[in-house]
């Protein structure tokens, strides 16, 4: 790590380490951050809070929160994983979750599908734990354990903080603190997650804690994904939303170089204002993106029901279920609605005729997708 990049405004100190060669590691200062929110960012913060308030309000008016929440969480899992180099399509993820099977090896394509699915499980589990616990290290560790279950990082101490040195980037562009400092730093982070500072807005504090988590890099693997899922939980909890509506990974992926550079500049130059401005713009972008998708879901929901001739309570229920899982098989419909296989086939045929479902081109498994819903949920859209 280039020690010359760390100036007098750095937010920590450099310590000599072996990685295995002699190098420098960055030890971030404990929170709270010694930084005052600048006046110039107040209008941006106000816009972000307004956008998030609108998103939370729309979410509360939905007949079922899952109408918006499940697609947002799936998209978060896909984009957060792609930031780490794991690329999975929405169709692959949805098909895997419909009929999951264990990968036969680390090179099995299902290992990637399981890895993304694990992110979803970890995120959902974190939300569930928040109903009984405050934001705490127990939640962080359990999410990490779920994330690493049965995938590439399963041998890297799932659910446990690291006990040796790591580096970020093949050439060690950034080297997090030595392992013997991790517990102290994470205990301090836990305090920061539960102590709201009067001088700092809660949304801003979430982004400060996110930086700190990534600077500490407490695990041997999976830090980026755990950090981004933790950010979603913090925003949900600290802003008092009805559900965790805001997910930042799509924005961080779209502007990946800026994301990495802004994190790095907080460490090297104390550039908190640049980092917070970047995150606030991201919050506005992602809130508006989610609002637009919610409008599309509501429109499709009404349109789908209108497309079906002589609808029945069962076809109504099948359509409603597509907004939670826009992929079905004849067997899954028969099982879900406790009907015979021929009856389920007839229902699916009706939805195919109404252009609500389409059979996958892979004929082997007879999987049916709602491609309009998948497009509304996962495609990149201009805001």
Protein backbone atom coordinates (compact mmCIF):
# COMPACT_ATOMS: atom_id res chain seq x y z
CA UNK A 1 0.00 0.00 0.00
CA UNK A 2 1.41 3.37 -0.99
CA UNK A 3 2.01 5.22 2.30
CA UNK A 4 2.68 8.45 0.40
CA UNK A 5 -1.03 8.73 -0.42
CA UNK A 6 -1.94 9.16 3.25
CA UNK A 7 -1.80 12.84 4.16
CA UNK A 8 -2.21 14.81 7.36
CA UNK A 9 -6.02 14.65 7.07
CA UNK A 10 -6.07 10.85 6.95
CA UNK A 11 -8.76 9.28 9.14
CA UNK A 12 -6.40 6.80 10.77
CA UNK A 13 -2.78 5.73 11.09
CA UNK A 14 -0.44 3.39 9.25
CA UNK A 15 1.03 0.33 10.94
CA UNK A 16 3.84 -1.87 9.58
CA UNK A 17 2.73 -5.41 8.66
CA UNK A 18 3.85 -8.47 6.69
CA UNK A 19 1.40 -9.56 3.95
CA UNK A 20 3.73 -11.69 3.58
CA UNK A 21 6.09 -8.95 2.43
CA UNK A 22 6.68 -5.86 4.53
CA UNK A 23 3.97 -3.30 3.94
CA UNK A 24 1.67 -0.82 5.68
CA UNK A 25 -1.85 -1.45 7.02
CA UNK A 26 -4.44 1.23 7.73
CA UNK A 27 -5.88 1.47 11.24
CA UNK A 28 -9.02 3.68 11.10
CA UNK A 29 -9.79 6.02 13.95
CA UNK A 30 -12.60 5.00 16.26
CA UNK A 31 -16.05 6.47 15.68
CA UNK A 32 -17.54 9.06 15.98
CA UNK A 33 -15.85 10.68 13.02
CA UNK A 34 -14.19 14.03 13.61
CA UNK A 35 -16.09 15.80 10.88
CA UNK A 36 -18.80 18.42 10.64
CA UNK A 37 -21.56 18.10 8.06
CA UNK A 38 -21.03 20.97 5.57
CA UNK A 39 -23.75 23.51 4.90
CA UNK A 40 -23.48 23.00 1.14
CA UNK A 41 -24.83 19.43 1.48
CA UNK A 42 -28.02 20.37 3.35
CA UNK A 43 -30.13 20.74 0.14
CA UNK A 44 -28.92 17.33 -1.08
CA UNK A 45 -29.71 15.73 2.28
CA UNK A 46 -33.20 17.29 2.20
CA UNK A 47 -33.79 15.86 -1.30
CA UNK A 48 -32.63 12.43 -0.15
CA UNK A 49 -34.90 12.43 2.88
CA UNK A 50 -37.86 13.56 0.75
CA UNK A 51 -37.25 10.80 -1.81
CA UNK A 52 -36.95 8.18 0.92
CA UNK A 53 -40.11 9.45 2.59
CA UNK A 54 -41.99 9.12 -0.70
CA UNK A 55 -40.65 5.60 -1.21
CA UNK A 56 -41.64 4.55 2.30
CA UNK A 57 -45.10 6.06 1.79
CA UNK A 58 -45.65 4.19 -1.47
CA UNK A 59 -44.47 0.97 0.15
CA UNK A 60 -47.04 1.35 2.90
CA UNK A 61 -49.91 1.74 0.43
CA UNK A 62 -49.22 -1.56 -1.35
CA UNK A 63 -51.71 -4.40 -0.85
CA UNK A 64 -48.70 -6.56 0.00
CA UNK A 65 -45.24 -5.16 0.83
CA UNK A 66 -43.70 -8.15 -0.99
CA UNK A 67 -44.99 -6.65 -4.24
CA UNK A 68 -42.01 -4.29 -4.09
CA UNK A 69 -39.77 -5.73 -1.38
CA UNK A 70 -38.93 -9.15 -2.86
CA UNK A 71 -37.86 -7.81 -6.29
CA UNK A 72 -35.78 -5.09 -4.62
CA UNK A 73 -34.04 -7.62 -2.39
CA UNK A 74 -33.39 -9.96 -5.31
CA UNK A 75 -31.94 -7.11 -7.36
CA UNK A 76 -29.76 -6.12 -4.40
CA UNK A 77 -28.46 -9.69 -4.15
CA UNK A 78 -27.61 -9.76 -7.86
CA UNK A 79 -25.90 -6.38 -8.03
CA UNK A 80 -24.03 -6.70 -4.74
CA UNK A 81 -22.66 -10.06 -5.87
CA UNK A 82 -21.69 -8.71 -9.30
CA UNK A 83 -19.62 -6.04 -7.53
CA UNK A 84 -17.55 -8.93 -6.19
CA UNK A 85 -17.25 -10.64 -9.58
CA UNK A 86 -20.14 -13.14 -9.31
CA UNK A 87 -22.42 -12.64 -12.30
CA UNK A 88 -25.82 -14.32 -12.27
CA UNK A 89 -28.89 -13.45 -14.36
CA UNK A 90 -32.30 -12.89 -12.76
CA UNK A 91 -33.63 -15.96 -14.58
CA UNK A 92 -30.83 -18.12 -13.15
CA UNK A 93 -31.42 -16.88 -9.61
CA UNK A 94 -35.20 -17.27 -9.81
CA UNK A 95 -34.94 -20.72 -11.36
CA UNK A 96 -32.44 -21.83 -8.72
CA UNK A 97 -34.59 -20.60 -5.84
CA UNK A 98 -37.62 -22.34 -7.32
CA UNK A 99 -35.82 -25.69 -7.44
CA UNK A 100 -32.50 -25.36 -5.62
CA UNK A 101 -29.89 -28.10 -5.56
CA UNK A 102 -26.44 -28.17 -4.04
CA UNK A 103 -23.47 -27.46 -6.35
CA UNK A 104 -21.33 -30.49 -7.07
CA UNK A 105 -18.09 -28.49 -6.92
CA UNK A 106 -16.75 -24.97 -6.59
CA UNK A 107 -16.68 -24.77 -10.41
CA UNK A 108 -20.30 -25.87 -10.74
CA UNK A 109 -22.38 -22.95 -12.06
CA UNK A 110 -24.86 -23.63 -9.28
CA UNK A 111 -22.19 -22.45 -6.82
CA UNK A 112 -22.63 -18.92 -8.19
CA UNK A 113 -26.41 -19.22 -8.04
CA UNK A 114 -26.23 -20.42 -4.45
CA UNK A 115 -23.86 -17.59 -3.55
CA UNK A 116 -26.35 -14.97 -4.75
CA UNK A 117 -29.24 -16.82 -3.13
CA UNK A 118 -27.27 -16.86 0.13
CA UNK A 119 -27.03 -13.08 0.00
CA UNK A 120 -30.81 -12.94 -0.14
CA UNK A 121 -31.10 -15.34 2.81
CA UNK A 122 -28.64 -13.28 4.84
CA UNK A 123 -30.47 -10.04 4.11
CA UNK A 124 -33.86 -11.51 5.02
CA UNK A 125 -32.43 -13.08 8.18
CA UNK A 126 -30.95 -9.75 9.24
CA UNK A 127 -34.36 -8.11 8.85
CA UNK A 128 -35.98 -10.85 10.93
CA UNK A 129 -33.42 -10.52 13.73
CA UNK A 130 -34.02 -6.77 13.94
CA UNK A 131 -37.52 -7.48 15.24
CA UNK A 132 -35.97 -8.86 18.46
CA UNK A 133 -32.49 -7.31 18.59
CA UNK A 134 -30.86 -3.94 18.10
CA UNK A 135 -28.25 -3.58 15.37
CA UNK A 136 -25.41 -5.66 16.77
CA UNK A 137 -22.44 -7.86 15.96
CA UNK A 138 -24.54 -10.97 16.47
CA UNK A 139 -26.64 -9.97 13.46
CA UNK A 140 -23.53 -9.14 11.43
CA UNK A 141 -21.93 -12.51 12.20
CA UNK A 142 -25.05 -14.54 11.49
CA UNK A 143 -25.55 -12.78 8.17
CA UNK A 144 -21.95 -13.57 7.25
CA UNK A 145 -22.39 -17.21 8.21
CA UNK A 146 -25.44 -17.54 5.96
CA UNK A 147 -23.65 -15.74 3.14
CA UNK A 148 -20.73 -18.18 3.22
CA UNK A 149 -22.81 -21.34 3.62
CA UNK A 150 -21.76 -23.96 1.09
CA UNK A 151 -20.00 -21.59 -1.33
CA UNK A 152 -16.49 -20.41 -2.25
CA UNK A 153 -15.81 -18.75 1.11
CA UNK A 154 -17.13 -21.54 3.32
CA UNK A 155 -13.61 -22.43 4.47
CA UNK A 156 -12.88 -18.86 5.53
CA UNK A 157 -14.30 -18.86 9.07
CA UNK A 158 -18.00 -18.12 8.38
CA UNK A 159 -19.50 -15.95 11.11
CA UNK A 160 -16.12 -15.24 12.73
CA UNK A 161 -13.95 -12.17 12.56
CA UNK A 162 -10.64 -12.73 10.83
CA UNK A 163 -7.56 -13.85 12.71
CA UNK A 164 -4.95 -12.89 10.13
CA UNK A 165 -4.08 -10.10 7.72
CA UNK A 166 -5.96 -9.48 4.47
CA UNK A 167 -5.49 -7.05 1.63
CA UNK A 168 -7.79 -5.53 -0.99
CA UNK A 169 -6.69 -5.81 -4.57
CA UNK A 170 -4.10 -8.21 -5.95
CA UNK A 171 -1.36 -5.63 -5.38
CA UNK A 172 -2.64 -4.51 -2.00
CA UNK A 173 -3.98 -1.09 -2.97
CA UNK A 174 -5.62 -1.00 0.47
CA UNK A 175 -4.58 -3.08 3.46
CA UNK A 176 -7.09 -3.14 6.36
CA UNK A 177 -5.99 -3.10 10.01
CA UNK A 178 -4.10 -6.04 11.55
CA UNK A 179 -6.32 -8.80 12.91
CA UNK A 180 -5.51 -8.04 16.55
CA UNK A 181 -7.30 -4.67 16.19
CA UNK A 182 -10.51 -6.03 14.62
CA UNK A 183 -12.46 -6.87 17.79
CA UNK A 184 -11.88 -3.44 19.33
CA UNK A 185 -12.85 -1.70 16.11
CA UNK A 186 -15.99 -3.81 15.65
CA UNK A 187 -17.10 -3.26 19.25
CA UNK A 188 -16.77 0.45 18.60
CA UNK A 189 -18.74 0.03 15.36
CA UNK A 190 -21.52 -1.71 17.28
CA UNK A 191 -21.74 1.27 19.64
CA UNK A 192 -21.89 3.63 16.66
CA UNK A 193 -24.76 1.61 15.13
CA UNK A 194 -26.81 2.20 18.26
CA UNK A 195 -25.87 5.72 19.32
CA UNK A 196 -27.41 8.43 17.22
CA UNK A 197 -25.36 11.61 17.15
CA UNK A 198 -27.36 14.80 17.50
CA UNK A 199 -25.01 16.68 15.20
CA UNK A 200 -25.27 14.13 12.37
CA UNK A 201 -28.44 13.14 10.49
CA UNK A 202 -29.20 9.39 10.83
CA UNK A 203 -28.96 8.80 7.07
CA UNK A 204 -25.52 10.41 6.99
CA UNK A 205 -24.48 8.37 10.01
CA UNK A 206 -25.42 5.18 8.13
CA UNK A 207 -22.97 6.06 5.37
CA UNK A 208 -20.25 6.89 7.90
CA UNK A 209 -20.68 3.48 9.54
CA UNK A 210 -20.64 1.79 6.13
CA UNK A 211 -17.27 3.38 5.37
CA UNK A 212 -15.95 2.24 8.75
CA UNK A 213 -17.09 -1.35 8.20
CA UNK A 214 -15.38 -1.52 4.81
CA UNK A 215 -12.20 0.05 6.22
CA UNK A 216 -12.08 -2.54 9.02
CA UNK A 217 -12.83 -5.47 6.66
CA UNK A 218 -13.56 -7.75 9.64
CA UNK A 219 -13.99 -11.03 7.74
CA UNK A 220 -11.69 -13.06 5.54
CA UNK A 221 -14.21 -12.93 2.69
CA UNK A 222 -17.63 -11.47 1.95
CA UNK A 223 -17.00 -8.05 3.55
CA UNK A 224 -18.43 -6.02 0.68
CA UNK A 225 -21.67 -7.97 0.54
CA UNK A 226 -22.17 -8.01 4.32
CA UNK A 227 -21.34 -4.30 4.49
CA UNK A 228 -23.89 -3.37 1.85
CA UNK A 229 -26.63 -5.54 3.35
CA UNK A 230 -25.87 -4.01 6.76
CA UNK A 231 -26.23 -0.56 5.19
CA UNK A 232 -29.76 -1.47 4.01
CA UNK A 233 -30.66 -2.63 7.54
CA UNK A 234 -29.26 0.52 9.14
CA UNK A 235 -31.23 2.81 6.84
CA UNK A 236 -34.39 0.78 7.50
CA UNK A 237 -33.86 0.85 11.26
CA UNK A 238 -32.53 4.38 11.75
CA UNK A 239 -35.00 6.12 9.46
CA UNK A 240 -37.98 4.24 10.90
CA UNK A 241 -39.17 2.81 7.60
CA UNK A 242 -41.94 0.24 7.49
CA UNK A 243 -39.70 -2.11 5.48
CA UNK A 244 -36.09 -2.03 4.22
CA UNK A 245 -36.87 -0.30 0.94
CA UNK A 246 -33.52 1.27 0.00
CA UNK A 247 -30.68 -0.80 -1.47
CA UNK A 248 -27.52 0.90 -2.71
CA UNK A 249 -25.62 -1.86 -4.54
CA UNK A 250 -27.03 -1.07 -8.00
CA UNK A 251 -25.80 2.52 -7.66
CA UNK A 252 -22.45 1.40 -6.26
CA UNK A 253 -22.06 -1.00 -9.18
CA UNK A 254 -23.06 1.61 -11.78
CA UNK A 255 -20.43 3.96 -10.37
CA UNK A 256 -18.02 1.33 -9.11
CA UNK A 257 -14.83 3.31 -9.64
CA UNK A 258 -16.24 6.34 -7.82
CA UNK A 259 -17.48 4.09 -5.00
CA UNK A 260 -14.04 2.58 -4.47
CA UNK A 261 -12.18 5.88 -4.92
CA UNK A 262 -14.43 7.78 -2.52
CA UNK A 263 -14.02 5.12 0.17
CA UNK A 264 -10.26 5.21 -0.34
CA UNK A 265 -10.10 9.01 -0.17
CA UNK A 266 -11.82 9.05 3.22
CA UNK A 267 -8.92 6.94 4.51
CA UNK A 268 -6.14 8.81 2.75
CA UNK A 269 -7.42 12.40 2.78
CA UNK A 270 -10.31 12.54 5.23
CA UNK A 271 -12.62 13.33 2.28
CA UNK A 272 -15.85 12.75 4.19
CA UNK A 273 -17.79 15.40 2.28
CA UNK A 274 -17.08 13.80 -1.10
CA UNK A 275 -18.08 10.36 0.25
CA UNK A 276 -21.31 11.59 1.84
CA UNK A 277 -22.26 13.61 -1.25
CA UNK A 278 -21.73 10.52 -3.40
CA UNK A 279 -23.92 8.42 -1.08
CA UNK A 280 -26.70 11.01 -0.82
CA UNK A 281 -26.87 11.22 -4.60
CA UNK A 282 -27.05 7.44 -4.63
CA UNK A 283 -29.88 7.41 -2.10
CA UNK A 284 -31.89 9.81 -4.26
CA UNK A 285 -31.14 7.79 -7.39
CA UNK A 286 -32.10 4.45 -5.83
CA UNK A 287 -35.21 5.83 -4.14
CA UNK A 288 -36.50 7.23 -7.43
CA UNK A 289 -35.58 3.98 -9.18
CA UNK A 290 -37.59 1.96 -6.65
CA UNK A 291 -40.54 4.37 -6.86
CA UNK A 292 -40.60 3.95 -10.65
CA UNK A 293 -40.48 0.18 -10.35
CA UNK A 294 -43.31 0.24 -7.83
CA UNK A 295 -45.49 2.17 -10.30
CA UNK A 296 -44.66 -0.41 -12.98
CA UNK A 297 -45.56 -3.30 -10.65
CA UNK A 298 -48.90 -1.74 -9.79
CA UNK A 299 -49.65 -1.13 -13.48
CA UNK A 300 -48.73 -4.70 -14.43
CA UNK A 301 -50.77 -6.09 -11.56
CA UNK A 302 -53.93 -4.41 -12.81
CA UNK A 303 -53.17 -5.23 -16.43
CA UNK A 304 -52.45 -8.92 -15.79
CA UNK A 305 -55.80 -9.41 -14.09
CA UNK A 306 -57.57 -7.68 -16.99
CA UNK A 307 -55.87 -9.88 -19.58
CA UNK A 308 -57.36 -13.14 -18.29
CA UNK A 309 -60.72 -14.15 -19.74
CA UNK A 310 -63.19 -15.45 -17.15
CA UNK A 311 -60.75 -15.18 -14.23
CA UNK A 312 -61.20 -17.40 -11.21
CA UNK A 313 -60.07 -16.93 -7.60
CA UNK A 314 -57.25 -19.38 -8.34
CA UNK A 315 -55.92 -17.59 -11.42
CA UNK A 316 -56.13 -14.37 -9.41
CA UNK A 317 -53.99 -15.97 -6.68
CA UNK A 318 -51.47 -17.33 -9.20
CA UNK A 319 -51.02 -13.87 -10.72
CA UNK A 320 -50.61 -12.29 -7.29
CA UNK A 321 -47.95 -14.88 -6.49
CA UNK A 322 -45.95 -13.93 -9.58
CA UNK A 323 -45.08 -10.60 -7.97
CA UNK A 324 -43.31 -12.50 -5.24
CA UNK A 325 -41.78 -15.15 -7.54
CA UNK A 326 -42.17 -14.45 -11.28
CA UNK A 327 -41.21 -18.01 -12.21
CA UNK A 328 -43.31 -21.16 -11.87
CA UNK A 329 -43.53 -24.76 -12.96
CA UNK A 330 -46.66 -26.81 -13.33
CA UNK A 331 -45.61 -28.80 -10.27
CA UNK A 332 -45.00 -25.69 -8.16
CA UNK A 333 -48.45 -24.28 -9.02
CA UNK A 334 -50.09 -27.65 -8.25
CA UNK A 335 -48.27 -27.83 -4.93
CA UNK A 336 -48.86 -24.20 -3.94
CA UNK A 337 -52.59 -24.25 -4.69
CA UNK A 338 -53.24 -27.90 -3.78
CA UNK A 339 -54.64 -28.84 -7.15
CA UNK A 340 -54.09 -31.69 -9.57
CA UNK A 341 -51.28 -31.48 -12.13
CA UNK A 342 -53.64 -31.27 -15.17
CA UNK A 343 -55.56 -28.43 -13.50
CA UNK A 344 -52.32 -26.55 -12.82
CA UNK A 345 -51.26 -27.09 -16.43
CA UNK A 346 -54.58 -25.71 -17.63
CA UNK A 347 -54.15 -22.59 -15.43
CA UNK A 348 -50.64 -21.99 -16.72
CA UNK A 349 -51.81 -22.46 -20.31
CA UNK A 350 -54.38 -19.71 -19.73
CA UNK A 351 -51.68 -17.36 -18.43
CA UNK A 352 -49.44 -18.19 -21.38
CA UNK A 353 -52.32 -17.43 -23.75
CA UNK A 354 -52.81 -14.08 -21.94
CA UNK A 355 -49.10 -13.27 -22.48
CA UNK A 356 -48.49 -13.19 -18.74
CA UNK A 357 -46.21 -16.24 -18.71
CA UNK A 358 -43.85 -17.62 -21.34
CA UNK A 359 -42.10 -20.96 -21.35
CA UNK A 360 -38.35 -20.91 -20.98
CA UNK A 361 -36.41 -21.79 -24.11
CA UNK A 362 -34.77 -24.55 -22.09
CA UNK A 363 -37.45 -27.17 -22.69
CA UNK A 364 -36.01 -29.75 -20.32
CA UNK A 365 -37.51 -28.42 -17.09
CA UNK A 366 -40.71 -26.74 -18.34
CA UNK A 367 -40.16 -23.49 -16.45
CA UNK A 368 -42.44 -20.51 -17.09
CA UNK A 369 -41.36 -16.90 -16.55
CA UNK A 370 -43.20 -13.61 -16.40
CA UNK A 371 -40.69 -11.69 -18.47
CA UNK A 372 -42.53 -8.38 -18.15
CA UNK A 373 -42.24 -8.60 -14.37
CA UNK A 374 -38.59 -9.63 -14.59
CA UNK A 375 -37.89 -6.66 -16.85
CA UNK A 376 -39.67 -4.27 -14.49
CA UNK A 377 -37.82 -5.67 -11.49
CA UNK A 378 -34.28 -6.13 -12.79
CA UNK A 379 -33.56 -4.20 -15.98
CA UNK A 380 -31.49 -1.03 -15.85
CA UNK A 381 -33.71 2.00 -16.19
CA UNK A 382 -33.06 5.67 -16.75
CA UNK A 383 -34.15 7.88 -13.85
